[in-house]
Amino acid sequence: SDRSEFKLKDVINPKFDFRYKRMLAVQEELVIAQLIGSCRQTESRRMVDSLQKNWQASIRKNEERIERYVRVRGRMELADSAFLQTANWSKAMLAANQHYLNKQIVPMPCPAEYNFYFTHDVLLTDLGAVVFDSQRVKNDLLYLRSLTQSDSVLP
């Protein structure tokens, strides 16, 4: 065979490959949930079992929390519906982008999963959040203060 010819099978890692073929009827739904995260190998079975039982309820509770935040925090009355939608979307992003890090939920403005913290992300995000959620800004600043080392330098 000519090795210069590109073949999909040459680049697929079977550990990460997922193929599901099925014809869905009209109005039929199919939900595929992919777990992406990290844990110790010794915790993996317990983690997967727990997620299989609880993921739908967890998603529903998180969506309700985000919707509640958008409705309650800094309620805005704007004549421009597009601008109001943008404001509500921005508040939803702030509510959604929080991560579990070092055994606590912390503000994490960047929608990613990592095990370190960007101080400047929070400070810039809070420039906007201060308009409608001063409590969040206070909590974010208290969290930053908790990270301050003995030399008064943030990590």
N, C-alpha and C. Protein backbone atom coordinates (compact mmCIF):
# COMPACT_ATOMS: atom_id res chain seq x y z
N SER A 1 0.83 -1.19 0.00
CA SER A 1 0.00 0.00 0.00
C SER A 1 0.87 1.24 0.00
N ASP A 2 0.37 2.29 -0.59
CA ASP A 2 1.09 3.55 -0.67
C ASP A 2 0.93 4.30 0.65
N ARG A 3 2.00 4.44 1.44
CA ARG A 3 1.93 5.07 2.77
C ARG A 3 1.71 6.58 2.68
N SER A 4 1.91 7.18 1.51
CA SER A 4 1.68 8.62 1.40
C SER A 4 0.19 8.95 1.33
N GLU A 5 -0.65 7.95 1.09
CA GLU A 5 -2.09 8.16 1.04
C GLU A 5 -2.64 8.25 2.46
N PHE A 6 -3.41 9.29 2.71
CA PHE A 6 -3.99 9.47 4.04
C PHE A 6 -5.09 8.45 4.27
N LYS A 7 -5.03 7.80 5.42
CA LYS A 7 -6.06 6.84 5.81
C LYS A 7 -6.51 7.17 7.22
N LEU A 8 -7.81 7.36 7.36
CA LEU A 8 -8.35 7.71 8.66
C LEU A 8 -7.96 6.70 9.73
N LYS A 9 -7.95 5.42 9.37
CA LYS A 9 -7.64 4.39 10.36
C LYS A 9 -6.23 4.55 10.93
N ASP A 10 -5.36 5.26 10.22
CA ASP A 10 -4.00 5.46 10.70
C ASP A 10 -3.92 6.47 11.84
N VAL A 11 -4.94 7.31 12.01
CA VAL A 11 -4.85 8.35 13.02
C VAL A 11 -5.86 8.18 14.16
N ILE A 12 -6.72 7.21 14.05
CA ILE A 12 -7.72 7.02 15.10
C ILE A 12 -7.12 6.25 16.26
N ASN A 13 -7.29 6.79 17.45
CA ASN A 13 -6.89 6.10 18.66
C ASN A 13 -8.15 5.41 19.18
N PRO A 14 -8.17 4.09 19.19
CA PRO A 14 -9.42 3.40 19.56
C PRO A 14 -9.89 3.71 20.98
N LYS A 15 -9.02 4.18 21.84
CA LYS A 15 -9.44 4.52 23.20
C LYS A 15 -10.36 5.75 23.19
N PHE A 16 -10.24 6.59 22.17
CA PHE A 16 -11.01 7.82 22.11
C PHE A 16 -12.00 7.86 20.96
N ASP A 17 -12.04 6.81 20.18
CA ASP A 17 -12.93 6.76 19.02
C ASP A 17 -14.32 6.32 19.46
N PHE A 18 -15.34 7.03 18.99
CA PHE A 18 -16.70 6.68 19.33
C PHE A 18 -17.54 6.74 18.06
N ARG A 19 -18.14 5.63 17.71
CA ARG A 19 -19.02 5.60 16.54
C ARG A 19 -20.31 4.90 16.94
N TYR A 20 -21.41 5.54 16.62
CA TYR A 20 -22.71 4.96 16.93
C TYR A 20 -23.59 5.20 15.71
N LYS A 21 -24.05 4.12 15.12
CA LYS A 21 -24.88 4.24 13.92
C LYS A 21 -26.28 3.76 14.25
N ARG A 22 -27.22 4.65 14.02
CA ARG A 22 -28.62 4.30 14.24
C ARG A 22 -29.48 5.32 13.52
N MET A 23 -30.53 4.85 12.90
CA MET A 23 -31.48 5.75 12.25
C MET A 23 -32.53 6.12 13.29
N LEU A 24 -32.70 7.40 13.50
CA LEU A 24 -33.71 7.86 14.45
C LEU A 24 -35.01 8.16 13.72
N ALA A 25 -36.09 7.80 14.34
CA ALA A 25 -37.40 8.11 13.79
C ALA A 25 -37.70 9.60 14.03
N VAL A 26 -38.66 10.12 13.31
CA VAL A 26 -39.08 11.50 13.50
C VAL A 26 -39.49 11.69 14.96
N GLN A 27 -39.02 12.76 15.57
CA GLN A 27 -39.29 13.11 16.97
C GLN A 27 -38.56 12.22 17.98
N GLU A 28 -37.80 11.26 17.53
CA GLU A 28 -37.04 10.41 18.45
C GLU A 28 -35.75 11.14 18.84
N GLU A 29 -35.32 10.94 20.06
CA GLU A 29 -34.11 11.59 20.55
C GLU A 29 -33.08 10.55 20.97
N LEU A 30 -31.84 10.97 20.94
CA LEU A 30 -30.74 10.15 21.43
C LEU A 30 -29.82 11.07 22.21
N VAL A 31 -29.52 10.72 23.43
CA VAL A 31 -28.63 11.52 24.26
C VAL A 31 -27.32 10.75 24.42
N ILE A 32 -26.23 11.42 24.09
CA ILE A 32 -24.90 10.84 24.27
C ILE A 32 -24.17 11.72 25.27
N ALA A 33 -23.74 11.14 26.36
CA ALA A 33 -22.99 11.89 27.37
C ALA A 33 -21.56 11.40 27.36
N GLN A 34 -20.63 12.32 27.21
CA GLN A 34 -19.21 11.98 27.23
C GLN A 34 -18.61 12.61 28.48
N LEU A 35 -18.00 11.79 29.30
CA LEU A 35 -17.36 12.28 30.52
C LEU A 35 -15.94 12.69 30.20
N ILE A 36 -15.61 13.91 30.55
CA ILE A 36 -14.25 14.39 30.37
C ILE A 36 -13.82 14.97 31.71
N GLY A 37 -12.76 14.50 32.24
CA GLY A 37 -12.30 14.99 33.53
C GLY A 37 -11.09 14.20 33.97
N SER A 38 -10.77 14.34 35.20
CA SER A 38 -9.61 13.61 35.72
C SER A 38 -9.89 13.15 37.14
N CYS A 39 -9.32 12.01 37.46
CA CYS A 39 -9.38 11.48 38.82
C CYS A 39 -8.28 10.42 38.93
N ARG A 40 -8.05 9.97 40.11
CA ARG A 40 -7.08 8.89 40.30
C ARG A 40 -7.65 7.60 39.75
N GLN A 41 -6.81 6.75 39.25
CA GLN A 41 -7.25 5.47 38.69
C GLN A 41 -8.05 4.67 39.71
N THR A 42 -7.63 4.75 40.97
CA THR A 42 -8.34 4.00 42.02
C THR A 42 -9.74 4.56 42.29
N GLU A 43 -10.00 5.80 41.86
CA GLU A 43 -11.30 6.42 42.05
C GLU A 43 -12.22 6.28 40.84
N SER A 44 -11.69 5.82 39.73
CA SER A 44 -12.43 5.88 38.47
C SER A 44 -13.74 5.09 38.48
N ARG A 45 -13.75 3.88 38.98
CA ARG A 45 -14.97 3.07 38.97
C ARG A 45 -16.05 3.74 39.82
N ARG A 46 -15.68 4.20 41.01
CA ARG A 46 -16.64 4.87 41.88
C ARG A 46 -17.16 6.15 41.23
N MET A 47 -16.27 6.88 40.58
CA MET A 47 -16.65 8.13 39.91
C MET A 47 -17.63 7.87 38.77
N VAL A 48 -17.34 6.89 37.94
CA VAL A 48 -18.22 6.57 36.81
C VAL A 48 -19.58 6.09 37.31
N ASP A 49 -19.58 5.22 38.32
CA ASP A 49 -20.85 4.74 38.88
C ASP A 49 -21.69 5.90 39.40
N SER A 50 -21.06 6.81 40.12
CA SER A 50 -21.78 7.96 40.66
C SER A 50 -22.32 8.85 39.55
N LEU A 51 -21.51 9.09 38.54
CA LEU A 51 -21.94 9.95 37.44
C LEU A 51 -23.09 9.32 36.66
N GLN A 52 -23.05 8.01 36.46
CA GLN A 52 -24.14 7.35 35.75
C GLN A 52 -25.46 7.53 36.49
N LYS A 53 -25.41 7.51 37.80
CA LYS A 53 -26.63 7.65 38.60
C LYS A 53 -27.10 9.10 38.70
N ASN A 54 -26.16 10.03 38.74
CA ASN A 54 -26.49 11.40 39.15
C ASN A 54 -26.33 12.48 38.09
N TRP A 55 -25.80 12.17 36.91
CA TRP A 55 -25.44 13.25 36.00
C TRP A 55 -26.64 14.07 35.53
N GLN A 56 -27.76 13.44 35.25
CA GLN A 56 -28.92 14.20 34.78
C GLN A 56 -29.44 15.15 35.86
N ALA A 57 -29.52 14.68 37.08
CA ALA A 57 -29.97 15.55 38.18
C ALA A 57 -28.97 16.67 38.42
N SER A 58 -27.70 16.36 38.30
CA SER A 58 -26.66 17.37 38.49
C SER A 58 -26.75 18.46 37.42
N ILE A 59 -26.95 18.06 36.18
CA ILE A 59 -27.09 19.03 35.09
C ILE A 59 -28.32 19.90 35.32
N ARG A 60 -29.44 19.27 35.67
CA ARG A 60 -30.68 20.01 35.90
C ARG A 60 -30.49 21.04 37.03
N LYS A 61 -29.86 20.63 38.14
CA LYS A 61 -29.64 21.55 39.26
C LYS A 61 -28.72 22.70 38.85
N ASN A 62 -27.71 22.41 38.06
CA ASN A 62 -26.79 23.45 37.62
C ASN A 62 -27.50 24.43 36.68
N GLU A 63 -28.31 23.92 35.76
CA GLU A 63 -29.07 24.81 34.87
C GLU A 63 -30.03 25.69 35.66
N GLU A 64 -30.69 25.12 36.66
CA GLU A 64 -31.60 25.91 37.50
C GLU A 64 -30.84 26.99 38.27
N ARG A 65 -29.66 26.64 38.76
CA ARG A 65 -28.83 27.61 39.49
C ARG A 65 -28.45 28.77 38.57
N ILE A 66 -28.06 28.45 37.35
CA ILE A 66 -27.66 29.49 36.39
C ILE A 66 -28.86 30.37 36.03
N GLU A 67 -30.00 29.76 35.75
CA GLU A 67 -31.20 30.54 35.41
C GLU A 67 -31.62 31.44 36.57
N ARG A 68 -31.53 30.94 37.78
CA ARG A 68 -31.87 31.73 38.97
C ARG A 68 -30.92 32.93 39.08
N TYR A 69 -29.64 32.71 38.84
CA TYR A 69 -28.65 33.78 38.91
C TYR A 69 -28.99 34.88 37.89
N VAL A 70 -29.32 34.46 36.67
CA VAL A 70 -29.65 35.44 35.62
C VAL A 70 -30.89 36.25 36.00
N ARG A 71 -31.90 35.59 36.55
CA ARG A 71 -33.14 36.29 36.90
C ARG A 71 -32.98 37.21 38.11
N VAL A 72 -32.19 36.80 39.09
CA VAL A 72 -32.15 37.50 40.38
C VAL A 72 -31.05 38.57 40.44
N ARG A 73 -29.87 38.27 39.95
CA ARG A 73 -28.74 39.19 40.10
C ARG A 73 -28.83 40.37 39.14
N GLY A 74 -28.87 41.56 39.70
CA GLY A 74 -28.81 42.77 38.90
C GLY A 74 -29.84 42.82 37.79
N ARG A 75 -31.08 42.61 38.15
CA ARG A 75 -32.17 42.62 37.16
C ARG A 75 -32.07 43.88 36.31
N MET A 76 -32.13 43.71 35.00
CA MET A 76 -31.98 44.84 34.09
C MET A 76 -33.23 45.02 33.25
N GLU A 77 -33.63 46.24 33.07
CA GLU A 77 -34.74 46.60 32.18
C GLU A 77 -34.12 47.38 31.03
N LEU A 78 -34.09 46.78 29.86
CA LEU A 78 -33.48 47.43 28.70
C LEU A 78 -34.46 47.41 27.53
N ALA A 79 -34.54 48.52 26.81
CA ALA A 79 -35.45 48.61 25.67
C ALA A 79 -34.96 47.76 24.50
N ASP A 80 -33.67 47.61 24.37
CA ASP A 80 -33.09 46.85 23.27
C ASP A 80 -33.04 45.37 23.66
N SER A 81 -33.89 44.55 23.04
CA SER A 81 -33.97 43.13 23.41
C SER A 81 -32.67 42.39 23.10
N ALA A 82 -31.97 42.79 22.05
CA ALA A 82 -30.69 42.14 21.73
C ALA A 82 -29.66 42.43 22.81
N PHE A 83 -29.64 43.66 23.29
CA PHE A 83 -28.71 44.03 24.35
C PHE A 83 -29.05 43.31 25.65
N LEU A 84 -30.35 43.21 25.94
CA LEU A 84 -30.78 42.49 27.14
C LEU A 84 -30.39 41.02 27.05
N GLN A 85 -30.55 40.42 25.88
CA GLN A 85 -30.15 39.02 25.68
C GLN A 85 -28.65 38.86 25.91
N THR A 86 -27.86 39.81 25.42
CA THR A 86 -26.41 39.76 25.62
C THR A 86 -26.06 39.88 27.10
N ALA A 87 -26.73 40.78 27.80
CA ALA A 87 -26.48 40.95 29.24
C ALA A 87 -26.83 39.68 29.99
N ASN A 88 -27.97 39.09 29.67
CA ASN A 88 -28.38 37.85 30.35
C ASN A 88 -27.43 36.71 30.01
N TRP A 89 -27.00 36.62 28.77
CA TRP A 89 -26.05 35.58 28.37
C TRP A 89 -24.74 35.76 29.15
N SER A 90 -24.29 36.98 29.29
CA SER A 90 -23.05 37.24 30.02
C SER A 90 -23.17 36.83 31.48
N LYS A 91 -24.31 37.13 32.09
CA LYS A 91 -24.51 36.72 33.48
C LYS A 91 -24.55 35.20 33.59
N ALA A 92 -25.15 34.55 32.62
CA ALA A 92 -25.18 33.08 32.63
C ALA A 92 -23.77 32.50 32.52
N MET A 93 -22.93 33.12 31.71
CA MET A 93 -21.55 32.65 31.59
C MET A 93 -20.81 32.81 32.92
N LEU A 94 -21.04 33.92 33.60
CA LEU A 94 -20.40 34.12 34.91
C LEU A 94 -20.84 33.05 35.90
N ALA A 95 -22.11 32.74 35.88
CA ALA A 95 -22.62 31.73 36.81
C ALA A 95 -22.09 30.34 36.46
N ALA A 96 -21.95 30.07 35.17
CA ALA A 96 -21.53 28.73 34.74
C ALA A 96 -20.04 28.49 34.95
N ASN A 97 -19.24 29.51 34.78
CA ASN A 97 -17.79 29.31 34.81
C ASN A 97 -17.23 29.40 36.22
N GLN A 98 -17.55 28.38 36.98
CA GLN A 98 -16.99 28.19 38.30
C GLN A 98 -16.50 26.75 38.33
N HIS A 99 -15.39 26.51 38.99
CA HIS A 99 -14.79 25.19 38.95
C HIS A 99 -14.43 24.69 40.35
N TYR A 100 -14.41 23.39 40.47
CA TYR A 100 -13.99 22.74 41.71
C TYR A 100 -12.48 22.65 41.68
N LEU A 101 -11.82 23.30 42.61
CA LEU A 101 -10.37 23.33 42.64
C LEU A 101 -9.92 23.33 44.10
N ASN A 102 -9.07 22.42 44.45
CA ASN A 102 -8.56 22.33 45.82
C ASN A 102 -9.68 22.28 46.86
N LYS A 103 -10.65 21.43 46.59
CA LYS A 103 -11.75 21.14 47.52
C LYS A 103 -12.73 22.29 47.73
N GLN A 104 -12.81 23.21 46.77
CA GLN A 104 -13.81 24.27 46.87
C GLN A 104 -14.19 24.75 45.47
N ILE A 105 -15.37 25.37 45.38
CA ILE A 105 -15.81 25.97 44.12
C ILE A 105 -15.20 27.37 44.05
N VAL A 106 -14.49 27.66 42.97
CA VAL A 106 -13.83 28.95 42.83
C VAL A 106 -14.26 29.60 41.52
N PRO A 107 -14.21 30.94 41.46
CA PRO A 107 -14.54 31.63 40.22
C PRO A 107 -13.48 31.31 39.17
N MET A 108 -13.92 30.92 38.00
CA MET A 108 -12.99 30.55 36.94
C MET A 108 -13.56 31.09 35.63
N PRO A 109 -13.30 32.35 35.32
CA PRO A 109 -13.94 32.97 34.16
C PRO A 109 -13.66 32.28 32.83
N CYS A 110 -12.51 31.65 32.70
CA CYS A 110 -12.21 30.97 31.45
C CYS A 110 -12.91 29.62 31.43
N PRO A 111 -13.72 29.32 30.40
CA PRO A 111 -14.46 28.06 30.38
C PRO A 111 -13.56 26.89 30.00
N ALA A 112 -12.74 26.48 30.93
CA ALA A 112 -11.83 25.37 30.70
C ALA A 112 -11.66 24.60 32.00
N GLU A 113 -11.05 23.44 31.89
CA GLU A 113 -10.78 22.67 33.10
C GLU A 113 -9.27 22.59 33.26
N TYR A 114 -8.78 23.13 34.35
CA TYR A 114 -7.36 23.05 34.65
C TYR A 114 -7.18 23.12 36.15
N ASN A 115 -5.98 22.86 36.59
CA ASN A 115 -5.75 22.77 38.03
C ASN A 115 -4.92 23.95 38.55
N PHE A 116 -5.05 25.08 37.93
CA PHE A 116 -4.39 26.28 38.44
C PHE A 116 -5.34 27.46 38.24
N TYR A 117 -4.93 28.61 38.67
CA TYR A 117 -5.86 29.72 38.78
C TYR A 117 -5.27 30.97 38.15
N PHE A 118 -6.05 31.65 37.32
CA PHE A 118 -5.59 32.88 36.69
C PHE A 118 -6.20 34.09 37.42
N THR A 119 -5.38 34.76 38.20
CA THR A 119 -5.84 35.91 38.97
C THR A 119 -6.37 37.02 38.06
N HIS A 120 -5.65 37.30 36.98
CA HIS A 120 -6.07 38.42 36.12
C HIS A 120 -7.42 38.15 35.47
N ASP A 121 -7.76 36.89 35.19
CA ASP A 121 -9.08 36.58 34.63
C ASP A 121 -10.19 37.04 35.56
N VAL A 122 -10.01 36.77 36.83
CA VAL A 122 -11.03 37.15 37.81
C VAL A 122 -11.12 38.66 37.93
N LEU A 123 -10.00 39.32 38.00
CA LEU A 123 -10.01 40.78 38.16
C LEU A 123 -10.69 41.46 36.98
N LEU A 124 -10.39 41.02 35.77
CA LEU A 124 -11.03 41.61 34.58
C LEU A 124 -12.51 41.27 34.52
N THR A 125 -12.86 40.05 34.85
CA THR A 125 -14.27 39.66 34.86
C THR A 125 -15.05 40.50 35.86
N ASP A 126 -14.45 40.74 37.01
CA ASP A 126 -15.14 41.49 38.05
C ASP A 126 -15.33 42.96 37.70
N LEU A 127 -14.58 43.48 36.73
CA LEU A 127 -14.83 44.85 36.28
C LEU A 127 -16.24 44.98 35.71
N GLY A 128 -16.73 43.93 35.07
CA GLY A 128 -18.09 43.92 34.56
C GLY A 128 -19.09 43.48 35.61
N ALA A 129 -18.73 42.49 36.39
CA ALA A 129 -19.65 41.92 37.38
C ALA A 129 -19.99 42.91 38.48
N VAL A 130 -19.13 43.87 38.75
CA VAL A 130 -19.38 44.81 39.84
C VAL A 130 -20.65 45.63 39.59
N VAL A 131 -21.06 45.74 38.34
CA VAL A 131 -22.26 46.50 38.00
C VAL A 131 -23.52 45.82 38.52
N PHE A 132 -23.54 44.49 38.55
CA PHE A 132 -24.77 43.80 38.93
C PHE A 132 -24.61 42.76 40.03
N ASP A 133 -23.39 42.46 40.46
CA ASP A 133 -23.22 41.43 41.48
C ASP A 133 -22.02 41.76 42.38
N SER A 134 -22.20 42.73 43.24
CA SER A 134 -21.10 43.15 44.12
C SER A 134 -20.72 42.04 45.10
N GLN A 135 -21.66 41.17 45.46
CA GLN A 135 -21.33 40.07 46.37
C GLN A 135 -20.35 39.10 45.71
N ARG A 136 -20.54 38.84 44.43
CA ARG A 136 -19.61 37.97 43.71
C ARG A 136 -18.21 38.59 43.72
N VAL A 137 -18.14 39.88 43.44
CA VAL A 137 -16.85 40.56 43.42
C VAL A 137 -16.19 40.45 44.80
N LYS A 138 -16.95 40.67 45.85
CA LYS A 138 -16.41 40.55 47.20
C LYS A 138 -15.88 39.13 47.44
N ASN A 139 -16.67 38.13 47.08
CA ASN A 139 -16.24 36.73 47.27
C ASN A 139 -14.99 36.42 46.46
N ASP A 140 -14.94 36.93 45.23
CA ASP A 140 -13.75 36.70 44.39
C ASP A 140 -12.52 37.33 45.02
N LEU A 141 -12.66 38.55 45.51
CA LEU A 141 -11.51 39.23 46.13
C LEU A 141 -11.08 38.55 47.42
N LEU A 142 -12.05 38.07 48.19
CA LEU A 142 -11.70 37.32 49.40
C LEU A 142 -10.97 36.02 49.04
N TYR A 143 -11.39 35.38 47.96
CA TYR A 143 -10.70 34.17 47.52
C TYR A 143 -9.26 34.52 47.11
N LEU A 144 -9.09 35.60 46.37
CA LEU A 144 -7.74 36.02 45.99
C LEU A 144 -6.89 36.30 47.22
N ARG A 145 -7.49 36.98 48.19
CA ARG A 145 -6.75 37.27 49.43
C ARG A 145 -6.33 35.97 50.12
N SER A 146 -7.17 34.94 50.07
CA SER A 146 -6.83 33.67 50.71
C SER A 146 -5.63 33.00 50.05
N LEU A 147 -5.36 33.36 48.80
CA LEU A 147 -4.21 32.78 48.10
C LEU A 147 -2.92 33.54 48.36
N THR A 148 -3.03 34.72 48.93
CA THR A 148 -1.86 35.56 49.14
C THR A 148 -0.86 34.88 50.06
N GLN A 149 0.38 34.90 49.64
CA GLN A 149 1.44 34.26 50.42
C GLN A 149 2.01 35.24 51.44
N SER A 150 2.90 34.77 52.28
CA SER A 150 3.43 35.61 53.36
C SER A 150 4.15 36.85 52.83
N ASP A 151 4.64 36.82 51.60
CA ASP A 151 5.31 37.98 51.03
C ASP A 151 4.33 38.92 50.31
N SER A 152 3.02 38.68 50.52
CA SER A 152 1.94 39.48 49.92
C SER A 152 1.84 39.34 48.40
N VAL A 153 2.43 38.30 47.88
CA VAL A 153 2.38 38.06 46.44
C VAL A 153 1.37 36.96 46.15
N LEU A 154 0.53 37.21 45.16
CA LEU A 154 -0.40 36.17 44.73
C LEU A 154 0.35 35.17 43.86
N PRO A 155 0.04 33.90 43.99
CA PRO A 155 0.73 32.91 43.16
C PRO A 155 0.35 33.06 41.69
